[in-house]
Amino acid sequence: MTRLIAMTAVVLLTAGAASSSAYLKLGAVVNGRVVDATWQQQPIGLFISDSGSNGVSASDVRGAVERAAATWSAVEGANVRFAYQGMTSAPPEGTDGKNTIGFLERPDLDRVLGATSFMVDATTGEIYEADIFFNSSFAFSVSPGGQNGRIDLESLALHELGHLLGLGHSAIGETERLSNGGRRVSGSGAVMFPIAMTAGAISERVLEADDKAGLLDLYPTGSVVSDTGGIVGRVTKSGRGVRGAHLVAFNPETHIMIGSFTLSESGEFVIGRLPPGPYILRVEPLDDAEPDNFFPAAVDTDFRVTYAPRMVVAPRGGSSMPIEIQVLPK
């Protein structure tokens, strides 16, 4: 068996995401190839640890988690279901056959609000157990309107349940470096963006287009495959492929943004599960978060932000003709 760990700060993969990825996903190596790590049995049962923290009760945790789970389950075209199994005295860690969510005190992880750990069958890629812990070293809130100085637990649960479902981090977001070495989020376009959430804010209780595309890539119903399209191509610099470039497809008619990455030395990319239509493509280095938030190995960040030379149409039920985007060193 292979154990995968995903945190708000870091995602560890057994290898790069599958080559058809429209989104950075967790994977398992099966017979020399990478397959998506997904739940093959549904509904996904969830237990809530019966201990609270800092004014947030176990019942509050259950409410926040159930609201977040309902948000993921409501994505049209995705085959995702959760089921509350009950309270448990077990902590949200270890291997006990339960998917447990609750608080752990981890002052050593002073920049990690929460984390998700997995047990994955290395022969099939099936996730068969997962736990989520919220770091009780931080102050949380379940207030409907948020609470100053406290992290919104529902927003964090939404992010961590994305990991539990098999999603990695999105790179659609903007940050600025702080004097203490950390980063402040100046704009986020996805719940799965990895930088810490702003205390008091509740804006990340809503899934964005990039989050939904990732979920549809992992758990599509039959109609999704025929109703969406894809864009394929390659990012190059001085004639060679660029590994770890971040691409964003922007639809000027609907204003949605969906991202992808070049996952190999060849610089090839796929942006899938796109609503059919025209897209502007933007290529950027991974410089709005530490690159190891996305990739376990080194990536190329020495290039300028570049736009594709033309708009590209994602056709319904198929993929575009390949496009090459040439970037220049900084």
Protein backbone atom coordinates (compact mmCIF):
# COMPACT_ATOMS: atom_id res chain seq x y z
CA MET A 1 0.00 0.00 0.00
CA THR A 2 1.11 3.58 -0.62
CA ARG A 3 0.42 6.36 1.85
CA LEU A 4 -0.10 9.83 0.38
CA ILE A 5 -0.18 13.01 2.46
CA ALA A 6 -1.69 16.32 1.34
CA MET A 7 -1.44 19.51 3.40
CA THR A 8 -2.52 23.09 3.01
CA ALA A 9 1.19 23.85 2.75
CA VAL A 10 2.47 20.90 0.73
CA VAL A 11 1.11 18.18 -1.55
CA LEU A 12 3.24 15.04 -1.84
CA LEU A 13 2.64 12.92 -4.92
CA THR A 14 3.91 9.46 -5.73
CA ALA A 15 4.54 10.89 -9.20
CA GLY A 16 3.25 13.63 -11.47
CA ALA A 17 -0.45 13.75 -12.21
CA ALA A 18 -1.78 11.74 -15.11
CA SER A 19 -0.97 13.12 -18.54
CA SER A 20 -4.63 13.86 -19.26
CA SER A 21 -4.88 16.05 -16.19
CA ALA A 22 -6.86 19.27 -16.35
CA TYR A 23 -5.85 19.97 -12.80
CA LEU A 24 -3.10 18.98 -10.40
CA LYS A 25 -4.32 15.75 -8.81
CA LEU A 26 -2.99 13.15 -6.43
CA GLY A 27 -1.77 9.98 -8.08
CA ALA A 28 -0.57 6.46 -7.43
CA VAL A 29 1.87 4.44 -9.54
CA VAL A 30 0.15 1.29 -10.83
CA ASN A 31 2.10 -1.05 -13.13
CA GLY A 32 4.51 1.70 -14.07
CA ARG A 33 1.89 4.31 -14.90
CA VAL A 34 0.27 7.03 -12.85
CA VAL A 35 -3.44 6.75 -12.12
CA ASP A 36 -5.69 9.20 -10.32
CA ALA A 37 -6.20 8.51 -6.62
CA THR A 38 -9.99 8.48 -6.21
CA TRP A 39 -12.78 7.00 -4.12
CA GLN A 40 -14.31 4.08 -5.99
CA GLN A 41 -16.96 3.32 -3.34
CA GLN A 42 -19.56 5.94 -2.50
CA PRO A 43 -20.98 7.52 -0.45
CA ILE A 44 -17.76 8.50 1.31
CA GLY A 45 -18.37 7.96 5.02
CA LEU A 46 -17.23 10.67 7.43
CA PHE A 47 -16.74 10.44 11.20
CA ILE A 48 -16.36 13.55 13.37
CA SER A 49 -13.97 13.49 16.33
CA ASP A 50 -15.91 14.23 19.53
CA SER A 51 -13.45 16.80 20.92
CA GLY A 52 -13.78 20.54 20.26
CA SER A 53 -11.26 23.36 20.50
CA ASN A 54 -11.15 27.00 21.53
CA GLY A 55 -14.89 27.61 21.61
CA VAL A 56 -15.69 25.39 18.59
CA SER A 57 -17.58 22.24 19.59
CA ALA A 58 -17.62 18.85 17.90
CA SER A 59 -21.18 19.66 16.81
CA ASP A 60 -19.90 22.87 15.22
CA VAL A 61 -17.27 20.86 13.34
CA ARG A 62 -19.93 18.48 12.08
CA GLY A 63 -22.05 21.38 10.82
CA ALA A 64 -19.14 23.05 9.02
CA VAL A 65 -18.01 19.77 7.44
CA GLU A 66 -21.51 18.82 6.32
CA ARG A 67 -22.01 22.23 4.69
CA ALA A 68 -18.66 21.94 2.91
CA ALA A 69 -19.42 18.38 1.82
CA ALA A 70 -22.78 19.52 0.43
CA THR A 71 -21.01 22.21 -1.61
CA TRP A 72 -18.75 19.64 -3.31
CA SER A 73 -21.66 17.23 -3.83
CA ALA A 74 -23.73 19.97 -5.49
CA VAL A 75 -21.30 20.42 -8.42
CA GLU A 76 -23.36 19.66 -11.51
CA GLY A 77 -22.04 16.71 -13.47
CA ALA A 78 -19.86 15.31 -10.65
CA ASN A 79 -20.51 11.93 -9.11
CA VAL A 80 -19.65 12.73 -5.47
CA ARG A 81 -21.61 11.79 -2.34
CA PHE A 82 -20.81 11.91 1.38
CA ALA A 83 -22.51 10.31 4.38
CA TYR A 84 -22.18 11.25 8.07
CA GLN A 85 -21.31 8.09 10.03
CA GLY A 86 -21.32 9.46 13.59
CA MET A 87 -19.05 10.80 16.32
CA THR A 88 -15.88 9.00 17.36
CA SER A 89 -13.38 9.30 20.19
CA ALA A 90 -10.58 8.43 17.75
CA PRO A 91 -8.22 11.25 16.74
CA PRO A 92 -8.05 12.26 13.04
CA GLU A 93 -4.87 10.31 12.34
CA GLY A 94 -3.61 6.76 12.04
CA THR A 95 -5.15 3.71 10.39
CA ASP A 96 -8.40 2.53 11.92
CA GLY A 97 -10.75 2.05 8.97
CA LYS A 98 -12.54 5.36 9.59
CA ASN A 99 -12.43 8.66 7.72
CA THR A 100 -12.13 10.95 10.72
CA ILE A 101 -12.24 14.76 10.81
CA GLY A 102 -11.42 16.83 13.88
CA PHE A 103 -8.88 18.86 15.84
CA LEU A 104 -5.26 18.06 16.60
CA GLU A 105 -2.89 20.34 18.46
CA ARG A 106 0.13 20.83 16.21
CA PRO A 107 2.06 23.94 17.32
CA ASP A 108 5.06 22.61 15.40
CA LEU A 109 3.14 23.29 12.17
CA ASP A 110 2.92 27.01 12.74
CA ARG A 111 1.85 27.80 9.14
CA VAL A 112 -0.45 24.83 8.55
CA LEU A 113 -4.14 25.34 9.31
CA GLY A 114 -5.07 21.77 8.51
CA ALA A 115 -4.00 18.65 6.65
CA THR A 116 -5.40 15.59 4.92
CA SER A 117 -3.76 12.15 4.99
CA PHE A 118 -4.63 9.13 2.87
CA MET A 119 -4.31 5.39 2.59
CA VAL A 120 -4.30 4.39 -1.07
CA ASP A 121 -4.34 0.96 -2.67
CA ALA A 122 -1.17 0.99 -4.78
CA THR A 123 -2.57 -1.68 -7.12
CA THR A 124 -5.67 0.29 -8.14
CA GLY A 125 -5.25 3.91 -7.02
CA GLU A 126 -8.36 3.61 -4.84
CA ILE A 127 -8.45 5.81 -1.74
CA TYR A 128 -9.79 3.62 1.05
CA GLU A 129 -9.19 5.77 4.12
CA ALA A 130 -8.52 9.46 4.80
CA ASP A 131 -8.33 11.73 7.83
CA ILE A 132 -8.49 15.51 8.10
CA PHE A 133 -7.16 17.45 11.05
CA PHE A 134 -7.64 21.12 11.86
CA ASN A 135 -4.73 22.61 13.78
CA SER A 136 -6.10 23.68 17.18
CA SER A 137 -3.12 26.03 17.58
CA PHE A 138 -5.21 28.46 15.49
CA ALA A 139 -8.51 30.14 16.37
CA PHE A 140 -11.50 29.07 14.26
CA SER A 141 -15.05 30.30 13.80
CA VAL A 142 -18.31 28.81 12.53
CA SER A 143 -20.19 32.10 12.65
CA PRO A 144 -22.43 32.53 9.57
CA GLY A 145 -20.90 35.94 8.87
CA GLY A 146 -17.36 35.12 9.96
CA GLN A 147 -15.54 36.42 13.02
CA ASN A 148 -12.65 38.86 13.19
CA GLY A 149 -9.33 37.25 14.02
CA ARG A 150 -10.58 33.69 13.46
CA ILE A 151 -10.29 31.35 10.48
CA ASP A 152 -13.58 30.27 8.96
CA LEU A 153 -13.82 26.52 9.60
CA GLU A 154 -16.26 25.87 6.75
CA SER A 155 -13.84 27.42 4.25
CA LEU A 156 -10.96 25.32 5.55
CA ALA A 157 -13.13 22.19 5.52
CA LEU A 158 -14.03 22.91 1.89
CA HIS A 159 -10.32 23.10 0.98
CA GLU A 160 -9.37 19.94 2.88
CA LEU A 161 -12.33 17.96 1.52
CA GLY A 162 -11.00 18.87 -1.93
CA HIS A 163 -7.77 17.11 -0.97
CA LEU A 164 -9.73 14.18 0.48
CA LEU A 165 -11.43 13.81 -2.92
CA GLY A 166 -8.02 13.61 -4.62
CA LEU A 167 -7.37 17.19 -5.71
CA GLY A 168 -4.02 18.88 -5.40
CA HIS A 169 -3.48 22.62 -5.22
CA SER A 170 -4.65 25.20 -7.72
CA ALA A 171 -2.26 27.97 -8.76
CA ILE A 172 -4.97 30.47 -9.68
CA GLY A 173 -4.25 33.23 -7.20
CA GLU A 174 -2.01 36.21 -6.51
CA THR A 175 0.18 36.84 -3.48
CA GLU A 176 2.78 39.28 -2.24
CA ARG A 177 5.84 38.45 -0.17
CA LEU A 178 5.86 39.70 3.44
CA SER A 179 8.89 40.87 5.43
CA ASN A 180 8.72 37.74 7.63
CA GLY A 181 9.10 35.47 4.62
CA GLY A 182 5.44 34.54 4.42
CA ARG A 183 2.92 35.56 1.78
CA ARG A 184 -0.31 37.55 1.83
CA VAL A 185 -3.09 36.62 -0.56
CA SER A 186 -4.06 39.57 -2.74
CA GLY A 187 -6.47 37.57 -4.89
CA SER A 188 -7.63 33.96 -5.10
CA GLY A 189 -9.49 32.33 -7.96
CA ALA A 190 -9.90 28.87 -6.42
CA VAL A 191 -10.73 27.30 -3.07
CA MET A 192 -7.79 24.94 -3.68
CA PHE A 193 -5.25 27.79 -3.80
CA PRO A 194 -2.71 26.77 -1.12
CA ILE A 195 -1.93 29.98 0.75
CA ALA A 196 -3.42 30.46 4.23
CA MET A 197 -6.90 31.96 4.38
CA THR A 198 -7.60 35.43 5.69
CA ALA A 199 -8.93 35.52 9.25
CA GLY A 200 -12.55 36.69 9.38
CA ALA A 201 -13.24 36.10 5.68
CA ILE A 202 -15.98 33.75 4.41
CA SER A 203 -15.53 34.30 0.67
CA GLU A 204 -13.93 30.88 0.20
CA ARG A 205 -17.07 28.96 1.05
CA VAL A 206 -17.87 29.00 -2.67
CA LEU A 207 -16.24 26.79 -5.32
CA GLU A 208 -14.76 28.51 -8.37
CA ALA A 209 -14.60 27.25 -11.97
CA ASP A 210 -11.11 25.80 -11.45
CA ASP A 211 -12.24 23.80 -8.40
CA LYS A 212 -15.22 22.42 -10.30
CA ALA A 213 -13.11 21.48 -13.32
CA GLY A 214 -10.80 19.50 -11.06
CA LEU A 215 -13.71 17.63 -9.50
CA LEU A 216 -15.27 16.89 -12.89
CA ASP A 217 -11.93 15.51 -14.07
CA LEU A 218 -11.91 13.00 -11.20
CA TYR A 219 -15.60 12.11 -10.89
CA PRO A 220 -17.35 12.85 -14.20
CA THR A 221 -20.80 11.61 -15.07
CA GLY A 222 -21.27 10.34 -18.61
CA SER A 223 -22.69 13.60 -19.91
CA VAL A 224 -19.72 15.67 -18.72
CA VAL A 225 -17.32 13.92 -21.09
CA SER A 226 -19.45 14.76 -24.13
CA ASP A 227 -20.48 18.24 -22.96
CA THR A 228 -17.01 19.67 -22.20
CA GLY A 229 -13.88 20.21 -24.25
CA GLY A 230 -10.15 20.52 -23.90
CA ILE A 231 -7.14 22.51 -25.06
CA VAL A 232 -3.81 20.80 -25.69
CA GLY A 233 -0.39 22.15 -26.52
CA ARG A 234 3.20 22.68 -25.46
CA VAL A 235 5.17 25.40 -23.69
CA THR A 236 8.73 25.88 -24.92
CA LYS A 237 11.72 28.10 -24.17
CA SER A 238 14.63 28.30 -26.60
CA GLY A 239 13.21 25.27 -28.40
CA ARG A 240 12.98 23.05 -25.32
CA GLY A 241 10.00 22.10 -23.19
CA VAL A 242 9.27 23.95 -19.91
CA ARG A 243 8.39 21.81 -16.90
CA GLY A 244 6.12 23.24 -14.20
CA ALA A 245 4.67 26.15 -16.16
CA HIS A 246 1.20 27.24 -15.04
CA LEU A 247 -1.42 27.84 -17.73
CA VAL A 248 -4.71 29.66 -17.34
CA ALA A 249 -7.53 29.42 -19.87
CA PHE A 250 -9.73 32.54 -19.67
CA ASN A 251 -13.07 32.72 -21.45
CA PRO A 252 -13.73 36.39 -22.37
CA GLU A 253 -17.45 35.71 -22.73
CA THR A 254 -18.09 34.01 -19.38
CA HIS A 255 -14.98 35.27 -17.49
CA ILE A 256 -14.25 31.82 -16.05
CA MET A 257 -10.62 30.80 -15.44
CA ILE A 258 -9.41 27.20 -15.41
CA GLY A 259 -5.77 26.25 -14.93
CA SER A 260 -3.37 23.45 -15.71
CA PHE A 261 0.37 22.70 -15.64
CA THR A 262 3.08 21.33 -17.86
CA LEU A 263 3.93 18.16 -15.98
CA SER A 264 6.98 16.85 -17.84
CA GLU A 265 10.21 17.96 -19.48
CA SER A 266 8.45 17.99 -22.86
CA GLY A 267 6.36 21.01 -21.79
CA GLU A 268 3.12 19.41 -22.95
CA PHE A 269 -0.16 20.40 -21.30
CA VAL A 270 -3.85 19.52 -21.32
CA ILE A 271 -6.58 21.82 -20.01
CA GLY A 272 -9.71 19.69 -19.78
CA ARG A 273 -13.32 19.87 -18.66
CA LEU A 274 -13.71 23.30 -20.25
CA PRO A 275 -17.15 24.61 -21.19
CA PRO A 276 -17.02 24.80 -25.00
CA GLY A 277 -15.97 28.17 -26.38
CA PRO A 278 -13.05 30.51 -27.11
CA TYR A 279 -10.22 30.96 -24.60
CA ILE A 280 -7.26 33.27 -24.08
CA LEU A 281 -4.26 31.29 -22.82
CA ARG A 282 -1.76 32.75 -20.35
CA VAL A 283 1.47 31.05 -19.27
CA GLU A 284 3.19 32.07 -16.02
CA PRO A 285 5.89 30.77 -13.70
CA LEU A 286 4.89 29.32 -10.32
CA ASP A 287 5.92 32.36 -8.29
CA ASP A 288 2.77 33.09 -6.27
CA ALA A 289 3.49 30.23 -3.88
CA GLU A 290 6.47 28.03 -3.20
CA PRO A 291 6.83 25.61 -6.15
CA ASP A 292 6.90 22.62 -3.80
CA ASN A 293 3.27 23.40 -2.96
CA PHE A 294 2.61 21.86 -6.39
CA PHE A 295 5.55 19.67 -7.44
CA PRO A 296 7.94 17.47 -5.45
CA ALA A 297 10.78 18.13 -7.92
CA ALA A 298 12.39 21.26 -9.36
CA VAL A 299 10.44 23.28 -11.94
CA ASP A 300 11.45 26.05 -14.34
CA THR A 301 10.41 29.51 -13.10
CA ASP A 302 12.89 31.50 -15.22
CA PHE A 303 10.54 32.85 -17.87
CA ARG A 304 8.24 35.79 -18.47
CA VAL A 305 4.47 35.79 -18.40
CA THR A 306 3.37 35.06 -21.97
CA TYR A 307 0.07 34.89 -23.85
CA ALA A 308 -0.68 32.44 -26.65
CA PRO A 309 -0.42 34.04 -30.10
CA ARG A 310 -4.11 33.43 -30.77
CA MET A 311 -7.34 32.50 -29.06
CA VAL A 312 -8.09 28.78 -28.91
CA VAL A 313 -11.52 27.16 -29.10
CA ALA A 314 -12.33 24.21 -26.86
CA PRO A 315 -14.78 22.08 -28.90
CA ARG A 316 -17.64 20.20 -27.30
CA GLY A 317 -16.67 16.57 -26.67
CA GLY A 318 -13.13 16.89 -28.02
CA SER A 319 -9.82 18.74 -27.90
CA SER A 320 -8.37 21.67 -29.82
CA MET A 321 -5.59 21.37 -32.34
CA PRO A 322 -2.24 21.52 -30.47
CA ILE A 323 -0.80 24.98 -29.89
CA GLU A 324 2.78 25.89 -29.01
CA ILE A 325 3.43 28.82 -26.67
CA GLN A 326 7.00 30.12 -26.70
CA VAL A 327 8.22 31.89 -23.56
CA LEU A 328 11.32 34.02 -23.03
CA PRO A 329 13.78 33.99 -20.11
CA LYS A 330 13.30 36.73 -17.53
